[in-house]
PDB file of N, CA and C in Angstrom:
ATOM      1  N   UNK A   1      14.149  16.834 -45.524  1.00  0.00           N
ATOM      2  CA  UNK A   1      12.733  17.158 -45.474  1.00  0.00           C
ATOM      3  C   UNK A   1      12.104  16.395 -44.311  1.00  0.00           C
ATOM      4  N   UNK A   2      11.359  17.078 -43.511  1.00  0.00           N
ATOM      5  CA  UNK A   2      10.699  16.466 -42.369  1.00  0.00           C
ATOM      6  C   UNK A   2       9.324  15.935 -42.794  1.00  0.00           C
ATOM      7  N   UNK A   3       9.070  14.668 -42.492  1.00  0.00           N
ATOM      8  CA  UNK A   3       7.790  14.060 -42.876  1.00  0.00           C
ATOM      9  C   UNK A   3       6.775  14.249 -41.758  1.00  0.00           C
ATOM     10  N   UNK A   4       5.525  14.515 -42.144  1.00  0.00           N
ATOM     11  CA  UNK A   4       4.469  14.593 -41.139  1.00  0.00           C
ATOM     12  C   UNK A   4       3.663  13.294 -41.189  1.00  0.00           C
ATOM     13  N   UNK A   5       2.637  13.200 -40.365  1.00  0.00           N
ATOM     14  CA  UNK A   5       1.880  11.956 -40.257  1.00  0.00           C
ATOM     15  C   UNK A   5       1.112  11.594 -41.529  1.00  0.00           C
ATOM     16  N   UNK A   6       0.910  12.550 -42.438  1.00  0.00           N
ATOM     17  CA  UNK A   6       0.172  12.277 -43.670  1.00  0.00           C
ATOM     18  C   UNK A   6       1.086  11.899 -44.832  1.00  0.00           C
ATOM     19  N   UNK A   7       2.391  12.021 -44.665  1.00  0.00           N
ATOM     20  CA  UNK A   7       3.317  11.766 -45.747  1.00  0.00           C
ATOM     21  C   UNK A   7       3.575  10.274 -45.896  1.00  0.00           C
ATOM     22  N   UNK A   8       3.431   9.800 -47.099  1.00  0.00           N
ATOM     23  CA  UNK A   8       3.760   8.411 -47.425  1.00  0.00           C
ATOM     24  C   UNK A   8       5.276   8.268 -47.306  1.00  0.00           C
ATOM     25  N   UNK A   9       5.771   7.271 -46.576  1.00  0.00           N
ATOM     26  CA  UNK A   9       7.225   7.108 -46.424  1.00  0.00           C
ATOM     27  C   UNK A   9       7.931   6.900 -47.765  1.00  0.00           C
ATOM     28  N   UNK A  10       7.247   6.294 -48.723  1.00  0.00           N
ATOM     29  CA  UNK A  10       7.848   6.120 -50.048  1.00  0.00           C
ATOM     30  C   UNK A  10       8.033   7.464 -50.734  1.00  0.00           C
ATOM     31  N   UNK A  11       7.041   8.355 -50.565  1.00  0.00           N
ATOM     32  CA  UNK A  11       7.156   9.693 -51.153  1.00  0.00           C
ATOM     33  C   UNK A  11       8.317  10.447 -50.518  1.00  0.00           C
ATOM     34  N   UNK A  12       8.421  10.371 -49.204  1.00  0.00           N
ATOM     35  CA  UNK A  12       9.508  11.052 -48.505  1.00  0.00           C
ATOM     36  C   UNK A  12      10.866  10.528 -48.974  1.00  0.00           C
ATOM     37  N   UNK A  13      10.981   9.197 -49.130  1.00  0.00           N
ATOM     38  CA  UNK A  13      12.239   8.597 -49.587  1.00  0.00           C
ATOM     39  C   UNK A  13      12.582   9.072 -50.991  1.00  0.00           C
ATOM     40  N   UNK A  14      11.584   9.102 -51.880  1.00  0.00           N
ATOM     41  CA  UNK A  14      11.832   9.561 -53.245  1.00  0.00           C
ATOM     42  C   UNK A  14      12.209  11.036 -53.280  1.00  0.00           C
ATOM     43  N   UNK A  15      11.520  11.849 -52.488  1.00  0.00           N
ATOM     44  CA  UNK A  15      11.848  13.277 -52.440  1.00  0.00           C
ATOM     45  C   UNK A  15      13.278  13.497 -51.948  1.00  0.00           C
ATOM     46  N   UNK A  16      13.671  12.740 -50.921  1.00  0.00           N
ATOM     47  CA  UNK A  16      15.032  12.861 -50.397  1.00  0.00           C
ATOM     48  C   UNK A  16      16.053  12.444 -51.443  1.00  0.00           C
ATOM     49  N   UNK A  17      15.776  11.360 -52.152  1.00  0.00           N
ATOM     50  CA  UNK A  17      16.709  10.899 -53.182  1.00  0.00           C
ATOM     51  C   UNK A  17      16.837  11.913 -54.314  1.00  0.00           C
ATOM     52  N   UNK A  18      15.703  12.451 -54.760  1.00  0.00           N
ATOM     53  CA  UNK A  18      15.734  13.457 -55.825  1.00  0.00           C
ATOM     54  C   UNK A  18      16.444  14.727 -55.376  1.00  0.00           C
ATOM     55  N   UNK A  19      16.214  15.148 -54.144  1.00  0.00           N
ATOM     56  CA  UNK A  19      16.893  16.340 -53.623  1.00  0.00           C
ATOM     57  C   UNK A  19      18.400  16.109 -53.549  1.00  0.00           C
ATOM     58  N   UNK A  20      18.816  14.916 -53.155  1.00  0.00           N
ATOM     59  CA  UNK A  20      20.248  14.601 -53.077  1.00  0.00           C
ATOM     60  C   UNK A  20      20.884  14.604 -54.465  1.00  0.00           C
ATOM     61  N   UNK A  21      20.181  14.051 -55.448  1.00  0.00           N
ATOM     62  CA  UNK A  21      20.697  14.054 -56.817  1.00  0.00           C
ATOM     63  C   UNK A  21      20.836  15.488 -57.325  1.00  0.00           C
ATOM     64  N   UNK A  22      19.811  16.300 -57.073  1.00  0.00           N
ATOM     65  CA  UNK A  22      19.871  17.702 -57.505  1.00  0.00           C
ATOM     66  C   UNK A  22      21.029  18.430 -56.831  1.00  0.00           C
ATOM     67  N   UNK A  23      21.185  18.234 -55.523  1.00  0.00           N
ATOM     68  CA  UNK A  23      22.255  18.916 -54.790  1.00  0.00           C
ATOM     69  C   UNK A  23      23.630  18.504 -55.325  1.00  0.00           C
ATOM     70  N   UNK A  24      23.835  17.207 -55.556  1.00  0.00           N
ATOM     71  CA  UNK A  24      25.113  16.729 -56.100  1.00  0.00           C
ATOM     72  C   UNK A  24      25.362  17.316 -57.479  1.00  0.00           C
ATOM     73  N   UNK A  25      24.331  17.369 -58.287  1.00  0.00           N
ATOM     74  CA  UNK A  25      24.466  17.901 -59.638  1.00  0.00           C
ATOM     75  C   UNK A  25      24.806  19.386 -59.625  1.00  0.00           C
ATOM     76  N   UNK A  26      24.140  20.145 -58.754  1.00  0.00           N
ATOM     77  CA  UNK A  26      24.380  21.587 -58.686  1.00  0.00           C
ATOM     78  C   UNK A  26      25.776  21.913 -58.174  1.00  0.00           C
ATOM     79  N   UNK A  27      26.337  21.067 -57.321  1.00  0.00           N
ATOM     80  CA  UNK A  27      27.672  21.313 -56.760  1.00  0.00           C
ATOM     81  C   UNK A  27      28.783  20.948 -57.732  1.00  0.00           C
ATOM     82  N   UNK A  28      28.509  20.076 -58.701  1.00  0.00           N
ATOM     83  CA  UNK A  28      29.547  19.644 -59.630  1.00  0.00           C
ATOM     84  C   UNK A  28      29.760  20.697 -60.715  1.00  0.00           C
ATOM     85  N   UNK A  29      30.891  20.595 -61.377  1.00  0.00           N
ATOM     86  CA  UNK A  29      31.234  21.539 -62.447  1.00  0.00           C
ATOM     87  C   UNK A  29      30.539  21.167 -63.739  1.00  0.00           C
ATOM     88  N   UNK A  30      30.143  22.172 -64.496  1.00  0.00           N
ATOM     89  CA  UNK A  30      29.566  21.931 -65.808  1.00  0.00           C
ATOM     90  C   UNK A  30      30.698  21.801 -66.818  1.00  0.00           C
ATOM     91  N   UNK A  31      30.585  20.828 -67.689  1.00  0.00           N
ATOM     92  CA  UNK A  31      31.584  20.629 -68.737  1.00  0.00           C
ATOM     93  C   UNK A  31      31.085  21.169 -70.074  1.00  0.00           C
ATOM     94  N   UNK A  32      29.953  21.839 -70.063  1.00  0.00           N
ATOM     95  CA  UNK A  32      29.334  22.304 -71.310  1.00  0.00           C
ATOM     96  C   UNK A  32      30.293  23.138 -72.163  1.00  0.00           C
ATOM     97  N   UNK A  33      30.964  24.109 -71.581  1.00  0.00           N
ATOM     98  CA  UNK A  33      31.850  24.978 -72.377  1.00  0.00           C
ATOM     99  C   UNK A  33      33.121  24.244 -72.795  1.00  0.00           C
ATOM    100  N   UNK A  34      33.541  23.257 -72.032  1.00  0.00           N
ATOM    101  CA  UNK A  34      34.768  22.516 -72.355  1.00  0.00           C
ATOM    102  C   UNK A  34      34.568  21.499 -73.462  1.00  0.00           C
ATOM    103  N   UNK A  35      33.355  21.051 -73.666  1.00  0.00           N
ATOM    104  CA  UNK A  35      33.138  19.965 -74.626  1.00  0.00           C
ATOM    105  C   UNK A  35      33.448  20.371 -76.066  1.00  0.00           C
ATOM    106  N   UNK A  36      33.236  21.631 -76.428  1.00  0.00           N
ATOM    107  CA  UNK A  36      33.579  22.065 -77.791  1.00  0.00           C
ATOM    108  C   UNK A  36      35.070  21.923 -78.041  1.00  0.00           C
ATOM    109  N   UNK A  37      35.862  22.355 -77.084  1.00  0.00           N
ATOM    110  CA  UNK A  37      37.321  22.239 -77.198  1.00  0.00           C
ATOM    111  C   UNK A  37      37.742  20.773 -77.151  1.00  0.00           C
ATOM    112  N   UNK A  38      37.203  20.022 -76.199  1.00  0.00           N
ATOM    113  CA  UNK A  38      37.608  18.627 -76.021  1.00  0.00           C
ATOM    114  C   UNK A  38      37.227  17.750 -77.205  1.00  0.00           C
ATOM    115  N   UNK A  39      36.120  18.048 -77.866  1.00  0.00           N
ATOM    116  CA  UNK A  39      35.698  17.226 -79.004  1.00  0.00           C
ATOM    117  C   UNK A  39      36.702  17.298 -80.153  1.00  0.00           C
ATOM    118  N   UNK A  40      37.491  18.358 -80.222  1.00  0.00           N
ATOM    119  CA  UNK A  40      38.522  18.474 -81.267  1.00  0.00           C
ATOM    120  C   UNK A  40      39.755  17.648 -80.939  1.00  0.00           C
ATOM    121  N   UNK A  41      39.842  17.140 -79.713  1.00  0.00           N
ATOM    122  CA  UNK A  41      41.015  16.377 -79.285  1.00  0.00           C
ATOM    123  C   UNK A  41      40.830  14.861 -79.383  1.00  0.00           C
ATOM    124  N   UNK A  42      39.727  14.411 -79.940  1.00  0.00           N
ATOM    125  CA  UNK A  42      39.484  12.974 -80.060  1.00  0.00           C
ATOM    126  C   UNK A  42      40.568  12.366 -80.951  1.00  0.00           C
ATOM    127  N   UNK A  43      41.249  11.319 -80.430  1.00  0.00           N
ATOM    128  CA  UNK A  43      42.322  10.688 -81.190  1.00  0.00           C
ATOM    129  C   UNK A  43      41.782   9.585 -82.102  1.00  0.00           C
ATOM    130  N   UNK A  44      42.673   8.884 -82.803  1.00  0.00           N
ATOM    131  CA  UNK A  44      42.256   7.837 -83.748  1.00  0.00           C
ATOM    132  C   UNK A  44      41.520   6.694 -83.063  1.00  0.00           C
ATOM    133  N   UNK A  45      41.784   6.493 -81.796  1.00  0.00           N
ATOM    134  CA  UNK A  45      41.120   5.422 -81.040  1.00  0.00           C
ATOM    135  C   UNK A  45      39.751   5.845 -80.526  1.00  0.00           C
ATOM    136  N   UNK A  46      39.408   7.122 -80.744  1.00  0.00           N
ATOM    137  CA  UNK A  46      38.108   7.612 -80.309  1.00  0.00           C
ATOM    138  C   UNK A  46      38.088   8.146 -78.883  1.00  0.00           C
ATOM    139  N   UNK A  47      39.262   8.418 -78.320  1.00  0.00           N
ATOM    140  CA  UNK A  47      39.350   8.915 -76.953  1.00  0.00           C
ATOM    141  C   UNK A  47      39.977  10.301 -76.928  1.00  0.00           C
ATOM    142  N   UNK A  48      39.718  11.027 -75.855  1.00  0.00           N
ATOM    143  CA  UNK A  48      40.316  12.332 -75.630  1.00  0.00           C
ATOM    144  C   UNK A  48      41.300  12.186 -74.469  1.00  0.00           C
ATOM    145  N   UNK A  49      42.591  12.246 -74.768  1.00  0.00           N
ATOM    146  CA  UNK A  49      43.575  12.132 -73.688  1.00  0.00           C
ATOM    147  C   UNK A  49      43.687  13.477 -72.951  1.00  0.00           C
ATOM    148  N   UNK A  50      43.124  13.545 -71.753  1.00  0.00           N
ATOM    149  CA  UNK A  50      43.163  14.796 -70.999  1.00  0.00           C
ATOM    150  C   UNK A  50      43.647  14.541 -69.582  1.00  0.00           C
ATOM    151  N   UNK A  51      44.124  15.603 -68.991  1.00  0.00           N
ATOM    152  CA  UNK A  51      44.427  15.608 -67.569  1.00  0.00           C
ATOM    153  C   UNK A  51      43.616  16.744 -66.980  1.00  0.00           C
ATOM    154  N   UNK A  52      42.970  16.463 -65.888  1.00  0.00           N
ATOM    155  CA  UNK A  52      42.124  17.486 -65.287  1.00  0.00           C
ATOM    156  C   UNK A  52      42.120  17.337 -63.779  1.00  0.00           C
ATOM    157  N   UNK A  53      41.701  18.365 -63.121  1.00  0.00           N
ATOM    158  CA  UNK A  53      41.536  18.327 -61.673  1.00  0.00           C
ATOM    159  C   UNK A  53      40.050  18.247 -61.383  1.00  0.00           C
ATOM    160  N   UNK A  54      39.676  17.255 -60.613  1.00  0.00           N
ATOM    161  CA  UNK A  54      38.283  17.089 -60.235  1.00  0.00           C
ATOM    162  C   UNK A  54      38.125  17.340 -58.740  1.00  0.00           C
ATOM    163  N   UNK A  55      37.093  18.067 -58.393  1.00  0.00           N
ATOM    164  CA  UNK A  55      36.814  18.318 -56.979  1.00  0.00           C
ATOM    165  C   UNK A  55      36.096  17.113 -56.380  1.00  0.00           C
ATOM    166  N   UNK A  56      35.980  17.096 -55.072  1.00  0.00           N
ATOM    167  CA  UNK A  56      35.202  16.038 -54.411  1.00  0.00           C
ATOM    168  C   UNK A  56      33.762  16.020 -54.926  1.00  0.00           C
ATOM    169  N   UNK A  57      33.206  17.223 -55.129  1.00  0.00           N
ATOM    170  CA  UNK A  57      31.837  17.330 -55.618  1.00  0.00           C
ATOM    171  C   UNK A  57      31.700  16.733 -57.021  1.00  0.00           C
ATOM    172  N   UNK A  58      32.714  16.976 -57.875  1.00  0.00           N
ATOM    173  CA  UNK A  58      32.694  16.402 -59.221  1.00  0.00           C
ATOM    174  C   UNK A  58      32.721  14.881 -59.152  1.00  0.00           C
ATOM    175  N   UNK A  59      33.583  14.339 -58.307  1.00  0.00           N
ATOM    176  CA  UNK A  59      33.676  12.880 -58.168  1.00  0.00           C
ATOM    177  C   UNK A  59      32.393  12.284 -57.607  1.00  0.00           C
ATOM    178  N   UNK A  60      31.795  12.967 -56.626  1.00  0.00           N
ATOM    179  CA  UNK A  60      30.535  12.475 -56.052  1.00  0.00           C
ATOM    180  C   UNK A  60      29.451  12.445 -57.121  1.00  0.00           C
ATOM    181  N   UNK A  61      29.423  13.460 -57.968  1.00  0.00           N
ATOM    182  CA  UNK A  61      28.444  13.499 -59.050  1.00  0.00           C
ATOM    183  C   UNK A  61      28.704  12.397 -60.079  1.00  0.00           C
ATOM    184  N   UNK A  62      29.950  12.279 -60.518  1.00  0.00           N
ATOM    185  CA  UNK A  62      30.294  11.309 -61.554  1.00  0.00           C
ATOM    186  C   UNK A  62      30.095   9.869 -61.106  1.00  0.00           C
ATOM    187  N   UNK A  63      30.232   9.626 -59.811  1.00  0.00           N
ATOM    188  CA  UNK A  63      30.083   8.273 -59.287  1.00  0.00           C
ATOM    189  C   UNK A  63      28.737   7.666 -59.648  1.00  0.00           C
ATOM    190  N   UNK A  64      27.668   8.431 -59.525  1.00  0.00           N
ATOM    191  CA  UNK A  64      26.339   7.877 -59.783  1.00  0.00           C
ATOM    192  C   UNK A  64      25.629   8.450 -60.980  1.00  0.00           C
ATOM    193  N   UNK A  65      26.273   9.360 -61.713  1.00  0.00           N
ATOM    194  CA  UNK A  65      25.584  10.084 -62.785  1.00  0.00           C
ATOM    195  C   UNK A  65      25.007   9.172 -63.856  1.00  0.00           C
ATOM    196  N   UNK A  66      25.755   8.213 -64.317  1.00  0.00           N
ATOM    197  CA  UNK A  66      25.279   7.339 -65.392  1.00  0.00           C
ATOM    198  C   UNK A  66      24.020   6.587 -64.955  1.00  0.00           C
ATOM    199  N   UNK A  67      24.074   5.969 -63.788  1.00  0.00           N
ATOM    200  CA  UNK A  67      22.929   5.205 -63.305  1.00  0.00           C
ATOM    201  C   UNK A  67      21.729   6.106 -63.044  1.00  0.00           C
ATOM    202  N   UNK A  68      21.976   7.313 -62.538  1.00  0.00           N
ATOM    203  CA  UNK A  68      20.883   8.234 -62.266  1.00  0.00           C
ATOM    204  C   UNK A  68      20.228   8.726 -63.552  1.00  0.00           C
ATOM    205  N   UNK A  69      21.028   8.982 -64.580  1.00  0.00           N
ATOM    206  CA  UNK A  69      20.470   9.418 -65.865  1.00  0.00           C
ATOM    207  C   UNK A  69      19.641   8.293 -66.481  1.00  0.00           C
ATOM    208  N   UNK A  70      20.128   7.061 -66.399  1.00  0.00           N
ATOM    209  CA  UNK A  70      19.362   5.922 -66.913  1.00  0.00           C
ATOM    210  C   UNK A  70      18.035   5.801 -66.160  1.00  0.00           C
ATOM    211  N   UNK A  71      18.082   5.953 -64.829  1.00  0.00           N
ATOM    212  CA  UNK A  71      16.855   5.862 -64.028  1.00  0.00           C
ATOM    213  C   UNK A  71      15.878   6.978 -64.381  1.00  0.00           C
ATOM    214  N   UNK A  72      16.375   8.196 -64.596  1.00  0.00           N
ATOM    215  CA  UNK A  72      15.492   9.305 -64.965  1.00  0.00           C
ATOM    216  C   UNK A  72      14.902   9.102 -66.357  1.00  0.00           C
ATOM    217  N   UNK A  73      15.682   8.575 -67.283  1.00  0.00           N
ATOM    218  CA  UNK A  73      15.155   8.299 -68.615  1.00  0.00           C
ATOM    219  C   UNK A  73      14.053   7.243 -68.528  1.00  0.00           C
ATOM    220  N   UNK A  74      14.273   6.211 -67.732  1.00  0.00           N
ATOM    221  CA  UNK A  74      13.259   5.177 -67.538  1.00  0.00           C
ATOM    222  C   UNK A  74      12.003   5.771 -66.904  1.00  0.00           C
ATOM    223  N   UNK A  75      12.186   6.631 -65.907  1.00  0.00           N
ATOM    224  CA  UNK A  75      11.051   7.299 -65.277  1.00  0.00           C
ATOM    225  C   UNK A  75      10.258   8.096 -66.302  1.00  0.00           C
ATOM    226  N   UNK A  76      10.959   8.876 -67.118  1.00  0.00           N
ATOM    227  CA  UNK A  76      10.274   9.664 -68.141  1.00  0.00           C
ATOM    228  C   UNK A  76       9.512   8.804 -69.119  1.00  0.00           C
ATOM    229  N   UNK A  77      10.115   7.712 -69.568  1.00  0.00           N
ATOM    230  CA  UNK A  77       9.438   6.816 -70.505  1.00  0.00           C
ATOM    231  C   UNK A  77       8.213   6.164 -69.872  1.00  0.00           C
ATOM    232  N   UNK A  78       8.328   5.784 -68.606  1.00  0.00           N
ATOM    233  CA  UNK A  78       7.186   5.166 -67.921  1.00  0.00           C
ATOM    234  C   UNK A  78       6.061   6.179 -67.714  1.00  0.00           C
ATOM    235  N   UNK A  79       6.413   7.426 -67.380  1.00  0.00           N
ATOM    236  CA  UNK A  79       5.390   8.464 -67.236  1.00  0.00           C
ATOM    237  C   UNK A  79       4.672   8.706 -68.557  1.00  0.00           C
ATOM    238  N   UNK A  80       5.442   8.741 -69.648  1.00  0.00           N
ATOM    239  CA  UNK A  80       4.820   8.946 -70.955  1.00  0.00           C
ATOM    240  C   UNK A  80       3.940   7.763 -71.344  1.00  0.00           C
ATOM    241  N   UNK A  81       4.325   6.572 -70.931  1.00  0.00           N
ATOM    242  CA  UNK A  81       3.492   5.403 -71.213  1.00  0.00           C
ATOM    243  C   UNK A  81       2.180   5.467 -70.438  1.00  0.00           C
ATOM    244  N   UNK A  82       2.237   5.937 -69.200  1.00  0.00           N
ATOM    245  CA  UNK A  82       1.031   6.075 -68.386  1.00  0.00           C
ATOM    246  C   UNK A  82       0.158   7.229 -68.835  1.00  0.00           C
ATOM    247  N   UNK A  83       0.790   8.370 -69.072  1.00  0.00           N
ATOM    248  CA  UNK A  83       0.056   9.603 -69.373  1.00  0.00           C
ATOM    249  C   UNK A  83       0.082   9.845 -70.877  1.00  0.00           C
ATOM    250  N   UNK A  84      -0.871   9.240 -71.542  1.00  0.00           N
ATOM    251  CA  UNK A  84      -1.007   9.424 -72.983  1.00  0.00           C
ATOM    252  C   UNK A  84      -2.480   9.623 -73.311  1.00  0.00           C
ATOM    253  N   UNK A  85      -2.743  10.202 -74.475  1.00  0.00           N
ATOM    254  CA  UNK A  85      -4.122  10.558 -74.796  1.00  0.00           C
ATOM    255  C   UNK A  85      -4.974   9.361 -75.188  1.00  0.00           C
ATOM    256  N   UNK A  86      -6.252   9.520 -74.905  1.00  0.00           N
ATOM    257  CA  UNK A  86      -7.252   8.573 -75.395  1.00  0.00           C
ATOM    258  C   UNK A  86      -8.511   9.375 -75.695  1.00  0.00           C
ATOM    259  N   UNK A  87      -9.320   8.857 -76.580  1.00  0.00           N
ATOM    260  CA  UNK A  87     -10.570   9.513 -76.937  1.00  0.00           C
ATOM    261  C   UNK A  87     -11.465   9.544 -75.702  1.00  0.00           C
ATOM    262  N   UNK A  88     -11.986  10.718 -75.403  1.00  0.00           N
ATOM    263  CA  UNK A  88     -12.821  10.880 -74.215  1.00  0.00           C
ATOM    264  C   UNK A  88     -14.221  10.311 -74.424  1.00  0.00           C
ATOM    265  N   UNK A  89     -14.539   9.993 -75.645  1.00  0.00           N
ATOM    266  CA  UNK A  89     -15.881   9.484 -75.927  1.00  0.00           C
ATOM    267  C   UNK A  89     -16.892  10.608 -75.918  1.00  0.00           C
ATOM    268  N   UNK A  90     -18.107  10.274 -76.121  1.00  0.00           N
ATOM    269  CA  UNK A  90     -19.161  11.285 -76.096  1.00  0.00           C
ATOM    270  C   UNK A  90     -19.340  11.955 -77.443  1.00  0.00           C
ATOM    271  N   UNK A  91     -20.234  12.889 -77.464  1.00  0.00           N
ATOM    272  CA  UNK A  91     -20.582  13.603 -78.688  1.00  0.00           C
ATOM    273  C   UNK A  91     -19.665  14.812 -78.821  1.00  0.00           C
ATOM    274  N   UNK A  92     -19.202  15.040 -80.041  1.00  0.00           N
ATOM    275  CA  UNK A  92     -18.344  16.188 -80.295  1.00  0.00           C
ATOM    276  C   UNK A  92     -18.820  16.901 -81.552  1.00  0.00           C
ATOM    277  N   UNK A  93     -18.575  18.191 -81.604  1.00  0.00           N
ATOM    278  CA  UNK A  93     -18.972  18.958 -82.779  1.00  0.00           C
ATOM    279  C   UNK A  93     -17.925  18.835 -83.890  1.00  0.00           C
ATOM    280  N   UNK A  94     -16.754  18.296 -83.578  1.00  0.00           N
ATOM    281  CA  UNK A  94     -15.699  18.139 -84.569  1.00  0.00           C
ATOM    282  C   UNK A  94     -15.178  16.707 -84.531  1.00  0.00           C
ATOM    283  N   UNK A  95     -15.801  15.793 -85.289  1.00  0.00           N
ATOM    284  CA  UNK A  95     -15.415  14.384 -85.237  1.00  0.00           C
ATOM    285  C   UNK A  95     -13.967  14.112 -85.675  1.00  0.00           C
ATOM    286  N   UNK A  96     -13.403  15.023 -86.473  1.00  0.00           N
ATOM    287  CA  UNK A  96     -12.009  14.843 -86.890  1.00  0.00           C
ATOM    288  C   UNK A  96     -11.021  15.174 -85.771  1.00  0.00           C
ATOM    289  N   UNK A  97     -11.464  15.915 -84.776  1.00  0.00           N
ATOM    290  CA  UNK A  97     -10.617  16.300 -83.642  1.00  0.00           C
ATOM    291  C   UNK A  97     -11.383  16.072 -82.340  1.00  0.00           C
ATOM    292  N   UNK A  98     -11.533  14.818 -81.950  1.00  0.00           N
ATOM    293  CA  UNK A  98     -12.313  14.541 -80.741  1.00  0.00           C
ATOM    294  C   UNK A  98     -11.603  15.050 -79.491  1.00  0.00           C
ATOM    295  N   UNK A  99     -12.373  15.248 -78.446  1.00  0.00           N
ATOM    296  CA  UNK A  99     -11.801  15.649 -77.164  1.00  0.00           C
ATOM    297  C   UNK A  99     -11.001  14.470 -76.623  1.00  0.00           C
ATOM    298  N   UNK A 100      -9.787  14.768 -76.207  1.00  0.00           N
ATOM    299  CA  UNK A 100      -8.912  13.728 -75.666  1.00  0.00           C
ATOM    300  C   UNK A 100      -8.710  13.927 -74.178  1.00  0.00           C
ATOM    301  N   UNK A 101      -8.574  12.824 -73.458  1.00  0.00           N
ATOM    302  CA  UNK A 101      -8.273  12.827 -72.037  1.00  0.00           C
ATOM    303  C   UNK A 101      -7.084  11.913 -71.803  1.00  0.00           C
ATOM    304  N   UNK A 102      -6.372  12.165 -70.716  1.00  0.00           N
ATOM    305  CA  UNK A 102      -5.248  11.320 -70.340  1.00  0.00           C
ATOM    306  C   UNK A 102      -5.786   9.994 -69.831  1.00  0.00           C
ATOM    307  N   UNK A 103      -5.202   8.909 -70.279  1.00  0.00           N
ATOM    308  CA  UNK A 103      -5.730   7.604 -69.867  1.00  0.00           C
ATOM    309  C   UNK A 103      -5.411   7.286 -68.408  1.00  0.00           C
ATOM    310  N   UNK A 104      -4.421   7.965 -67.804  1.00  0.00           N
ATOM    311  CA  UNK A 104      -4.065   7.686 -66.412  1.00  0.00           C
ATOM    312  C   UNK A 104      -4.835   8.569 -65.434  1.00  0.00           C
ATOM    313  N   UNK A 105      -4.829   9.877 -65.674  1.00  0.00           N
ATOM    314  CA  UNK A 105      -5.439  10.793 -64.697  1.00  0.00           C
ATOM    315  C   UNK A 105      -6.774  11.354 -65.170  1.00  0.00           C
ATOM    316  N   UNK A 106      -7.138  11.062 -66.410  1.00  0.00           N
ATOM    317  CA  UNK A 106      -8.396  11.500 -67.022  1.00  0.00           C
ATOM    318  C   UNK A 106      -8.504  13.016 -67.154  1.00  0.00           C
ATOM    319  N   UNK A 107      -7.397  13.716 -66.992  1.00  0.00           N
ATOM    320  CA  UNK A 107      -7.387  15.162 -67.224  1.00  0.00           C
ATOM    321  C   UNK A 107      -7.446  15.431 -68.726  1.00  0.00           C
ATOM    322  N   UNK A 108      -7.859  16.632 -69.080  1.00  0.00           N
ATOM    323  CA  UNK A 108      -7.930  17.043 -70.482  1.00  0.00           C
ATOM    324  C   UNK A 108      -6.529  16.968 -71.075  1.00  0.00           C
ATOM    325  N   UNK A 109      -6.413  16.448 -72.287  1.00  0.00           N
ATOM    326  CA  UNK A 109      -5.101  16.277 -72.918  1.00  0.00           C
ATOM    327  C   UNK A 109      -4.626  17.561 -73.552  1.00  0.00           C
ATOM    328  N   UNK A 110      -3.368  17.944 -73.366  1.00  0.00           N
ATOM    329  CA  UNK A 110      -2.341  17.248 -72.593  1.00  0.00           C
ATOM    330  C   UNK A 110      -2.519  17.492 -71.100  1.00  0.00           C
ATOM    331  N   UNK A 111      -2.381  16.436 -70.323  1.00  0.00           N
ATOM    332  CA  UNK A 111      -2.596  16.530 -68.878  1.00  0.00           C
ATOM    333  C   UNK A 111      -1.417  17.249 -68.217  1.00  0.00           C
ATOM    334  N   UNK A 112      -1.593  17.590 -66.956  1.00  0.00           N
ATOM    335  CA  UNK A 112      -0.564  18.329 -66.216  1.00  0.00           C
ATOM    336  C   UNK A 112       0.751  17.552 -66.147  1.00  0.00           C
ATOM    337  N   UNK A 113       0.688  16.255 -65.946  1.00  0.00           N
ATOM    338  CA  UNK A 113       1.909  15.452 -65.865  1.00  0.00           C
ATOM    339  C   UNK A 113       2.672  15.500 -67.180  1.00  0.00           C
ATOM    340  N   UNK A 114       1.979  15.312 -68.284  1.00  0.00           N
ATOM    341  CA  UNK A 114       2.632  15.364 -69.584  1.00  0.00           C
ATOM    342  C   UNK A 114       3.240  16.747 -69.825  1.00  0.00           C
ATOM    343  N   UNK A 115       2.500  17.808 -69.490  1.00  0.00           N
ATOM    344  CA  UNK A 115       3.003  19.172 -69.696  1.00  0.00           C
ATOM    345  C   UNK A 115       4.269  19.427 -68.886  1.00  0.00           C
ATOM    346  N   UNK A 116       4.301  18.956 -67.637  1.00  0.00           N
ATOM    347  CA  UNK A 116       5.484  19.168 -66.797  1.00  0.00           C
ATOM    348  C   UNK A 116       6.691  18.429 -67.366  1.00  0.00           C
ATOM    349  N   UNK A 117       6.501  17.188 -67.797  1.00  0.00           N
ATOM    350  CA  UNK A 117       7.613  16.433 -68.394  1.00  0.00           C
ATOM    351  C   UNK A 117       8.073  17.142 -69.663  1.00  0.00           C
ATOM    352  N   UNK A 118       7.145  17.551 -70.496  1.00  0.00           N
ATOM    353  CA  UNK A 118       7.467  18.232 -71.744  1.00  0.00           C
ATOM    354  C   UNK A 118       8.223  19.543 -71.488  1.00  0.00           C
ATOM    355  N   UNK A 119       7.718  20.362 -70.569  1.00  0.00           N
ATOM    356  CA  UNK A 119       8.361  21.644 -70.250  1.00  0.00           C
ATOM    357  C   UNK A 119       9.751  21.436 -69.659  1.00  0.00           C
ATOM    358  N   UNK A 120       9.890  20.447 -68.785  1.00  0.00           N
ATOM    359  CA  UNK A 120      11.175  20.200 -68.133  1.00  0.00           C
ATOM    360  C   UNK A 120      12.223  19.764 -69.152  1.00  0.00           C
ATOM    361  N   UNK A 121      11.867  18.873 -70.043  1.00  0.00           N
ATOM    362  CA  UNK A 121      12.827  18.383 -71.022  1.00  0.00           C
ATOM    363  C   UNK A 121      13.040  19.370 -72.156  1.00  0.00           C
ATOM    364  N   UNK A 122      12.115  20.287 -72.368  1.00  0.00           N
ATOM    365  CA  UNK A 122      12.244  21.293 -73.419  1.00  0.00           C
ATOM    366  C   UNK A 122      13.164  22.435 -73.008  1.00  0.00           C
ATOM    367  N   UNK A 123      13.369  22.610 -71.712  1.00  0.00           N
ATOM    368  CA  UNK A 123      14.177  23.764 -71.272  1.00  0.00           C
ATOM    369  C   UNK A 123      15.657  23.509 -71.366  1.00  0.00           C
TER     370      UNK A 123
END
């Protein structure tokens, strides 16, 4: 991504890192269909003795996947901590259901940030 004079260098760095993670993930193989079969092979020690062929893309993905997933989980938790509802105050016609606003961006609850996180993790 090419940065222009208005782009924050931190934003550009984060965008590049996220794009690289996405690209590595998309190039790697999905194990979703294999996991049903592999889960039946767990031995008494709790391991699955398998032999498999991994591509360069699979290895590149696996190299950082654990740390990247931990970082994304932390990001999600921090976003949820920032973007949470608070009473907007003021007069309301329904005191049992007051108008709520996001405490970080002051948008009507649920705010856009919360909705995007919710939609992304729900899919």
